[in-house]
Amino acid sequence: MVGRQGCDERGQATVELAVVLPIAIIVAVIVVNALAFLGNCATFDRVARQAVCAWGAAPAAGQDGREVASAVKDELERAVGAQNVVVSVGVEDAEFGLVRFTARMEYSPTLFGLGLRREIFGIALPPMTREVSMVVDAYKPGVLF
């Protein structure tokens, strides 16, 4: 088809698609990863607080902070359940006999389920992180004050 001024307009849609399609794919990858990260954050926050309240505030007899942290970590890994998410839980003594549990989630973006490189053009791409910290009074079973 010839335009008004004698220009050939055939192939214009193909060129526009070739320009717009990579940008649309990049935007889609960003949106999918952002929504997946936010969904994982919501689950992580809820389960981390519930698990620390359940196991940290009332550990089993003879159970120390590291064993409780391991149980919390296992529960978080089951709840989040994604291959591109790494969960860690730390425990430390706080003031006045309290115990601080810190749960950390690292989310690595994916390309619709496929792994992405950790470095592009020499620029490192760190994972997105989320951290939840709670201080509890660990009940000591059998101990009277």
C-alpha atoms as a PDB file:
ATOM      1  CA  MET A   1       0.000   0.000   0.000  1.00  0.00           C
ATOM      2  CA  VAL A   2       1.341   3.382  -0.919  1.00  0.00           C
ATOM      3  CA  GLY A   3       0.807   6.351   1.413  1.00  0.00           C
ATOM      4  CA  ARG A   4      -0.344   9.796   0.440  1.00  0.00           C
ATOM      5  CA  GLN A   5       3.104  11.115  -0.329  1.00  0.00           C
ATOM      6  CA  GLY A   6       4.258   8.030  -2.198  1.00  0.00           C
ATOM      7  CA  CYS A   7       5.883   6.310   0.832  1.00  0.00           C
ATOM      8  CA  ASP A   8       5.596   2.552   1.118  1.00  0.00           C
ATOM      9  CA  GLU A   9       3.996   1.677   4.485  1.00  0.00           C
ATOM     10  CA  ARG A  10       4.181  -2.100   4.213  1.00  0.00           C
ATOM     11  CA  GLY A  11       6.059  -3.648   7.116  1.00  0.00           C
ATOM     12  CA  GLN A  12       5.428  -0.753   9.483  1.00  0.00           C
ATOM     13  CA  ALA A  13       3.542  -2.967  11.958  1.00  0.00           C
ATOM     14  CA  THR A  14       6.386  -5.503  11.902  1.00  0.00           C
ATOM     15  CA  VAL A  15       8.952  -2.841  12.727  1.00  0.00           C
ATOM     16  CA  GLU A  16       6.759  -1.430  15.502  1.00  0.00           C
ATOM     17  CA  LEU A  17       6.324  -4.941  16.950  1.00  0.00           C
ATOM     18  CA  ALA A  18      10.077  -5.536  16.803  1.00  0.00           C
ATOM     19  CA  VAL A  19      10.648  -2.340  18.789  1.00  0.00           C
ATOM     20  CA  VAL A  20       7.821  -2.695  21.319  1.00  0.00           C
ATOM     21  CA  LEU A  21       7.919  -6.469  22.028  1.00  0.00           C
ATOM     22  CA  PRO A  22      11.270  -6.554  23.913  1.00  0.00           C
ATOM     23  CA  ILE A  23      10.168  -3.623  26.059  1.00  0.00           C
ATOM     24  CA  ALA A  24       6.822  -5.311  26.794  1.00  0.00           C
ATOM     25  CA  ILE A  25       8.618  -8.533  27.796  1.00  0.00           C
ATOM     26  CA  ILE A  26      10.965  -6.638  30.141  1.00  0.00           C
ATOM     27  CA  VAL A  27       8.031  -4.837  31.763  1.00  0.00           C
ATOM     28  CA  ALA A  28       6.168  -8.161  32.148  1.00  0.00           C
ATOM     29  CA  VAL A  29       9.205  -9.802  33.806  1.00  0.00           C
ATOM     30  CA  ILE A  30       9.529  -6.899  36.249  1.00  0.00           C
ATOM     31  CA  VAL A  31       5.820  -6.962  37.114  1.00  0.00           C
ATOM     32  CA  VAL A  32       5.716 -10.756  37.571  1.00  0.00           C
ATOM     33  CA  ASN A  33       8.797 -10.709  39.825  1.00  0.00           C
ATOM     34  CA  ALA A  34       7.516  -7.764  41.862  1.00  0.00           C
ATOM     35  CA  LEU A  35       4.169  -9.468  42.458  1.00  0.00           C
ATOM     36  CA  ALA A  36       5.836 -12.790  43.306  1.00  0.00           C
ATOM     37  CA  PHE A  37       8.169 -11.036  45.764  1.00  0.00           C
ATOM     38  CA  LEU A  38       5.291  -9.185  47.424  1.00  0.00           C
ATOM     39  CA  GLY A  39       3.288 -12.400  47.706  1.00  0.00           C
ATOM     40  CA  ASN A  40       6.247 -14.215  49.240  1.00  0.00           C
ATOM     41  CA  CYS A  41       6.794 -11.282  51.639  1.00  0.00           C
ATOM     42  CA  ALA A  42       3.203 -11.475  52.847  1.00  0.00           C
ATOM     43  CA  THR A  43       3.472 -15.211  53.488  1.00  0.00           C
ATOM     44  CA  PHE A  44       6.921 -14.853  55.034  1.00  0.00           C
ATOM     45  CA  ASP A  45       5.855 -12.086  57.431  1.00  0.00           C
ATOM     46  CA  ARG A  46       2.763 -13.944  58.628  1.00  0.00           C
ATOM     47  CA  VAL A  47       4.413 -17.339  59.056  1.00  0.00           C
ATOM     48  CA  ALA A  48       7.598 -15.944  60.639  1.00  0.00           C
ATOM     49  CA  ARG A  49       5.663 -14.097  63.331  1.00  0.00           C
ATOM     50  CA  GLN A  50       3.352 -17.045  63.993  1.00  0.00           C
ATOM     51  CA  ALA A  51       6.227 -19.532  64.166  1.00  0.00           C
ATOM     52  CA  VAL A  52       8.320 -17.383  66.501  1.00  0.00           C
ATOM     53  CA  CYS A  53       5.307 -16.806  68.752  1.00  0.00           C
ATOM     54  CA  ALA A  54       4.511 -20.532  68.800  1.00  0.00           C
ATOM     55  CA  TRP A  55       7.997 -22.017  69.234  1.00  0.00           C
ATOM     56  CA  GLY A  56      10.091 -19.155  70.543  1.00  0.00           C
ATOM     57  CA  ALA A  57       7.862 -18.121  73.407  1.00  0.00           C
ATOM     58  CA  ALA A  58       7.330 -21.681  74.659  1.00  0.00           C
ATOM     59  CA  PRO A  59      10.190 -23.997  73.614  1.00  0.00           C
ATOM     60  CA  ALA A  60      10.060 -27.669  74.505  1.00  0.00           C
ATOM     61  CA  ALA A  61      11.914 -28.873  77.584  1.00  0.00           C
ATOM     62  CA  GLY A  62      15.659 -28.797  76.932  1.00  0.00           C
ATOM     63  CA  GLN A  63      15.275 -27.027  73.600  1.00  0.00           C
ATOM     64  CA  ASP A  64      17.693 -24.161  73.029  1.00  0.00           C
ATOM     65  CA  GLY A  65      17.432 -21.133  70.729  1.00  0.00           C
ATOM     66  CA  ARG A  66      19.215 -22.784  67.798  1.00  0.00           C
ATOM     67  CA  GLU A  67      16.766 -25.689  67.753  1.00  0.00           C
ATOM     68  CA  VAL A  68      13.843 -23.267  67.846  1.00  0.00           C
ATOM     69  CA  ALA A  69      15.416 -21.237  65.015  1.00  0.00           C
ATOM     70  CA  SER A  70      15.791 -24.438  62.992  1.00  0.00           C
ATOM     71  CA  ALA A  71      12.111 -25.288  63.538  1.00  0.00           C
ATOM     72  CA  VAL A  72      11.084 -21.762  62.505  1.00  0.00           C
ATOM     73  CA  LYS A  73      13.278 -22.015  59.393  1.00  0.00           C
ATOM     74  CA  ASP A  74      11.723 -25.354  58.415  1.00  0.00           C
ATOM     75  CA  GLU A  75       8.234 -23.902  58.797  1.00  0.00           C
ATOM     76  CA  LEU A  76       9.160 -20.867  56.674  1.00  0.00           C
ATOM     77  CA  GLU A  77      10.652 -23.027  53.924  1.00  0.00           C
ATOM     78  CA  ARG A  78       7.479 -25.140  53.820  1.00  0.00           C
ATOM     79  CA  ALA A  79       5.249 -22.058  53.712  1.00  0.00           C
ATOM     80  CA  VAL A  80       7.157 -20.108  51.053  1.00  0.00           C
ATOM     81  CA  GLY A  81       8.159 -23.187  49.057  1.00  0.00           C
ATOM     82  CA  ALA A  82       9.854 -21.431  46.115  1.00  0.00           C
ATOM     83  CA  GLN A  83      13.116 -22.528  44.536  1.00  0.00           C
ATOM     84  CA  ASN A  84      14.374 -18.981  44.131  1.00  0.00           C
ATOM     85  CA  VAL A  85      13.840 -18.092  47.823  1.00  0.00           C
ATOM     86  CA  VAL A  86      16.483 -18.670  50.509  1.00  0.00           C
ATOM     87  CA  VAL A  87      15.390 -18.487  54.146  1.00  0.00           C
ATOM     88  CA  SER A  88      17.609 -18.108  57.219  1.00  0.00           C
ATOM     89  CA  VAL A  89      16.764 -17.637  60.890  1.00  0.00           C
ATOM     90  CA  GLY A  90      19.135 -16.303  63.514  1.00  0.00           C
ATOM     91  CA  VAL A  91      18.793 -16.169  67.281  1.00  0.00           C
ATOM     92  CA  GLU A  92      20.544 -13.979  69.835  1.00  0.00           C
ATOM     93  CA  ASP A  93      20.099 -13.044  73.457  1.00  0.00           C
ATOM     94  CA  ALA A  94      18.560  -9.646  74.081  1.00  0.00           C
ATOM     95  CA  GLU A  95      18.374  -7.644  77.299  1.00  0.00           C
ATOM     96  CA  PHE A  96      16.560  -8.796  80.433  1.00  0.00           C
ATOM     97  CA  GLY A  97      16.617 -12.495  79.496  1.00  0.00           C
ATOM     98  CA  LEU A  98      14.674 -11.975  76.269  1.00  0.00           C
ATOM     99  CA  VAL A  99      15.529 -13.730  73.004  1.00  0.00           C
ATOM    100  CA  ARG A 100      15.605 -12.053  69.553  1.00  0.00           C
ATOM    101  CA  PHE A 101      14.747 -14.125  66.484  1.00  0.00           C
ATOM    102  CA  THR A 102      15.611 -12.639  63.097  1.00  0.00           C
ATOM    103  CA  ALA A 103      14.213 -14.314  59.975  1.00  0.00           C
ATOM    104  CA  ARG A 104      15.583 -13.312  56.575  1.00  0.00           C
ATOM    105  CA  MET A 105      14.276 -14.111  53.107  1.00  0.00           C
ATOM    106  CA  GLU A 106      16.314 -13.603  49.926  1.00  0.00           C
ATOM    107  CA  TYR A 107      14.353 -13.622  46.676  1.00  0.00           C
ATOM    108  CA  SER A 108      16.205 -14.027  43.388  1.00  0.00           C
ATOM    109  CA  PRO A 109      14.236 -12.768  40.360  1.00  0.00           C
ATOM    110  CA  THR A 110      13.448 -15.234  37.583  1.00  0.00           C
ATOM    111  CA  LEU A 111      12.561 -15.055  33.926  1.00  0.00           C
ATOM    112  CA  PHE A 112       9.076 -16.621  34.156  1.00  0.00           C
ATOM    113  CA  GLY A 113      10.453 -19.484  36.262  1.00  0.00           C
ATOM    114  CA  LEU A 114      13.869 -19.719  34.620  1.00  0.00           C
ATOM    115  CA  GLY A 115      16.875 -18.512  36.597  1.00  0.00           C
ATOM    116  CA  LEU A 116      18.495 -15.198  35.726  1.00  0.00           C
ATOM    117  CA  ARG A 117      22.184 -14.418  35.811  1.00  0.00           C
ATOM    118  CA  ARG A 118      23.588 -12.876  38.997  1.00  0.00           C
ATOM    119  CA  GLU A 119      25.632 -10.380  36.968  1.00  0.00           C
ATOM    120  CA  ILE A 120      24.884  -8.403  33.810  1.00  0.00           C
ATOM    121  CA  PHE A 121      27.574  -6.352  32.064  1.00  0.00           C
ATOM    122  CA  GLY A 122      29.760  -6.560  35.177  1.00  0.00           C
ATOM    123  CA  ILE A 123      27.023  -5.220  37.458  1.00  0.00           C
ATOM    124  CA  ALA A 124      26.033  -7.542  40.292  1.00  0.00           C
ATOM    125  CA  LEU A 125      22.312  -8.102  40.782  1.00  0.00           C
ATOM    126  CA  PRO A 126      21.745  -8.721  44.498  1.00  0.00           C
ATOM    127  CA  PRO A 127      18.667 -10.650  45.596  1.00  0.00           C
ATOM    128  CA  MET A 128      15.706  -8.787  47.059  1.00  0.00           C
ATOM    129  CA  THR A 129      15.564  -9.275  50.814  1.00  0.00           C
ATOM    130  CA  ARG A 130      12.981  -9.125  53.562  1.00  0.00           C
ATOM    131  CA  GLU A 131      13.764  -9.353  57.267  1.00  0.00           C
ATOM    132  CA  VAL A 132      11.500  -9.873  60.269  1.00  0.00           C
ATOM    133  CA  SER A 133      12.809  -9.522  63.817  1.00  0.00           C
ATOM    134  CA  MET A 134      10.917 -10.390  66.992  1.00  0.00           C
ATOM    135  CA  VAL A 135      11.912 -10.359  70.643  1.00  0.00           C
ATOM    136  CA  VAL A 136      10.182 -12.891  72.894  1.00  0.00           C
ATOM    137  CA  ASP A 137      10.382 -14.002  76.490  1.00  0.00           C
ATOM    138  CA  ALA A 138      11.321 -17.658  76.191  1.00  0.00           C
ATOM    139  CA  TYR A 139       9.335 -19.634  78.722  1.00  0.00           C
ATOM    140  CA  LYS A 140      11.586 -21.983  80.671  1.00  0.00           C
ATOM    141  CA  PRO A 141       9.519 -25.109  81.413  1.00  0.00           C
ATOM    142  CA  GLY A 142       9.949 -26.412  84.957  1.00  0.00           C
ATOM    143  CA  VAL A 143      11.711 -23.278  86.181  1.00  0.00           C
ATOM    144  CA  LEU A 144      10.012 -21.340  88.963  1.00  0.00           C
ATOM    145  CA  PHE A 145      10.909 -17.740  89.708  1.00  0.00           C
END
